[in-house]
Amino acid sequence: MAFSVSCTQHADFVRLHLNGELDIVTVPDLHAALDRLLEDGQRRLLVDLTELTFCDSSGLAAFVRGDDEAGSRGGWLRLTGATGRVDRVLRISGLAELFRYDQEHDRHDPAPLSDR
């Protein structure tokens, strides 16, 4: 299955929409998108997983790398919208808690829970 990344700029953050399967073959596309955003000065990255159907360990590592890179610039990477197998992998790995995002505040306050 194909994989794509699209971005939507919001006032204080960028939402990355992931679609398809994120694995060792497609993860370079995510790395490129994250690197480009960070190089352009974006520091707050909300990754929307609503349309992501699969994520392997290389995808999980990309989320960690993205958060490390954003954090080194005073920002963050958070995940939202995970369902099914993707949600299960995030929970089993412990990354669901690390990158959790309060969807109640999705439109109003994009800060991660730990920053409130």
Protein backbone atom coordinates (compact mmCIF):
# COMPACT_ATOMS: atom_id res chain seq x y z
CA MET A 1 0.00 0.00 0.00
CA ALA A 2 1.11 3.55 -0.66
CA PHE A 3 2.11 6.06 1.99
CA SER A 4 1.72 9.82 1.93
CA VAL A 5 2.31 12.80 4.20
CA SER A 6 0.48 16.09 3.86
CA CYS A 7 0.74 19.12 6.13
CA THR A 8 -1.70 21.75 7.35
CA GLN A 9 -0.40 24.91 9.00
CA HIS A 10 -2.25 26.11 12.10
CA ALA A 11 -1.54 29.24 14.13
CA ASP A 12 0.85 27.57 16.61
CA PHE A 13 1.60 24.15 15.12
CA VAL A 14 1.71 22.05 11.97
CA ARG A 15 -0.54 19.01 11.56
CA LEU A 16 1.00 16.19 9.54
CA HIS A 17 -1.61 13.84 8.05
CA LEU A 18 -0.20 10.33 7.51
CA ASN A 19 -2.01 8.03 5.10
CA GLY A 20 -1.33 4.36 4.34
CA GLU A 21 1.38 2.09 5.73
CA LEU A 22 4.44 3.40 7.57
CA ASP A 23 7.25 0.86 7.43
CA ILE A 24 10.94 0.51 6.62
CA VAL A 25 10.26 1.22 2.94
CA THR A 26 8.13 4.34 3.45
CA VAL A 27 9.68 5.86 6.59
CA PRO A 28 12.19 7.95 4.57
CA ASP A 29 9.19 9.97 3.31
CA LEU A 30 8.23 10.79 6.90
CA HIS A 31 11.84 11.64 7.80
CA ALA A 32 12.01 14.00 4.82
CA ALA A 33 8.76 15.75 5.78
CA LEU A 34 9.81 16.14 9.42
CA ASP A 35 13.28 17.38 8.48
CA ARG A 36 11.86 19.90 6.00
CA LEU A 37 9.41 21.30 8.57
CA LEU A 38 12.08 21.57 11.26
CA GLU A 39 14.52 23.23 8.85
CA ASP A 40 11.76 25.73 7.99
CA GLY A 41 11.51 26.67 11.67
CA GLN A 42 8.45 24.66 12.66
CA ARG A 43 8.81 23.34 16.22
CA ARG A 44 5.38 22.02 17.17
CA LEU A 45 4.34 18.99 15.16
CA LEU A 46 1.02 17.20 15.58
CA VAL A 47 1.00 13.92 13.67
CA ASP A 48 -2.51 12.82 12.68
CA LEU A 49 -2.69 9.02 12.43
CA THR A 50 -6.38 8.77 11.54
CA GLU A 51 -5.62 7.39 8.05
CA LEU A 52 -2.52 5.37 9.01
CA THR A 53 -3.30 1.67 8.63
CA PHE A 54 0.05 0.13 9.67
CA CYS A 55 3.16 1.18 11.58
CA ASP A 56 6.24 -0.96 12.25
CA SER A 57 9.23 -0.30 14.50
CA SER A 58 10.87 2.00 11.95
CA GLY A 59 7.79 4.22 12.11
CA LEU A 60 7.91 4.24 15.91
CA ALA A 61 11.59 5.18 15.74
CA ALA A 62 10.72 8.04 13.37
CA PHE A 63 8.26 9.44 15.91
CA VAL A 64 10.94 9.30 18.63
CA ARG A 65 13.52 10.90 16.32
CA GLY A 66 11.05 13.63 15.33
CA ASP A 67 10.28 14.43 18.95
CA ASP A 68 13.99 14.51 19.82
CA GLU A 69 14.69 16.89 16.93
CA ALA A 70 11.72 19.13 17.73
CA GLY A 71 12.61 19.06 21.44
CA SER A 72 16.16 20.17 20.72
CA ARG A 73 14.61 23.26 19.11
CA GLY A 74 12.25 23.92 22.03
CA GLY A 75 9.26 22.20 20.44
CA TRP A 76 7.47 18.84 20.46
CA LEU A 77 5.94 16.08 18.39
CA ARG A 78 2.60 14.60 19.45
CA LEU A 79 0.36 11.90 17.99
CA THR A 80 -3.40 11.99 17.55
CA GLY A 81 -6.08 9.86 15.92
CA ALA A 82 -4.49 6.41 16.19
CA THR A 83 -6.95 3.54 15.77
CA GLY A 84 -6.90 -0.23 15.41
CA ARG A 85 -3.52 -1.90 14.98
CA VAL A 86 -1.64 1.40 15.02
CA ASP A 87 -3.18 2.33 18.38
CA ARG A 88 -2.35 -1.13 19.72
CA VAL A 89 1.31 -0.89 18.66
CA LEU A 90 1.61 2.56 20.25
CA ARG A 91 0.10 1.30 23.52
CA ILE A 92 2.24 -1.86 23.67
CA SER A 93 5.41 0.13 22.97
CA GLY A 94 4.57 2.76 25.60
CA LEU A 95 4.70 5.53 23.01
CA ALA A 96 0.97 6.25 23.27
CA GLU A 97 1.57 7.68 26.73
CA LEU A 98 4.81 9.44 25.78
CA PHE A 99 3.29 11.18 22.75
CA ARG A 100 -0.30 11.44 23.95
CA TYR A 101 -2.37 14.36 22.88
CA ASP A 102 -5.59 15.52 24.50
CA GLN A 103 -8.09 15.55 21.65
CA GLU A 104 -10.56 17.55 23.77
CA HIS A 105 -8.25 20.52 23.24
CA ASP A 106 -7.42 19.68 19.63
CA ARG A 107 -8.81 22.88 18.14
CA HIS A 108 -8.12 25.20 21.05
CA ASP A 109 -4.84 24.32 22.74
CA PRO A 110 -2.30 22.23 20.85
CA ALA A 111 0.14 22.08 23.78
CA PRO A 112 0.94 18.58 24.97
CA LEU A 113 -0.51 17.63 28.32
CA SER A 114 2.86 17.90 30.08
CA ASP A 115 3.14 21.59 29.07
CA ARG A 116 -0.16 22.65 30.67
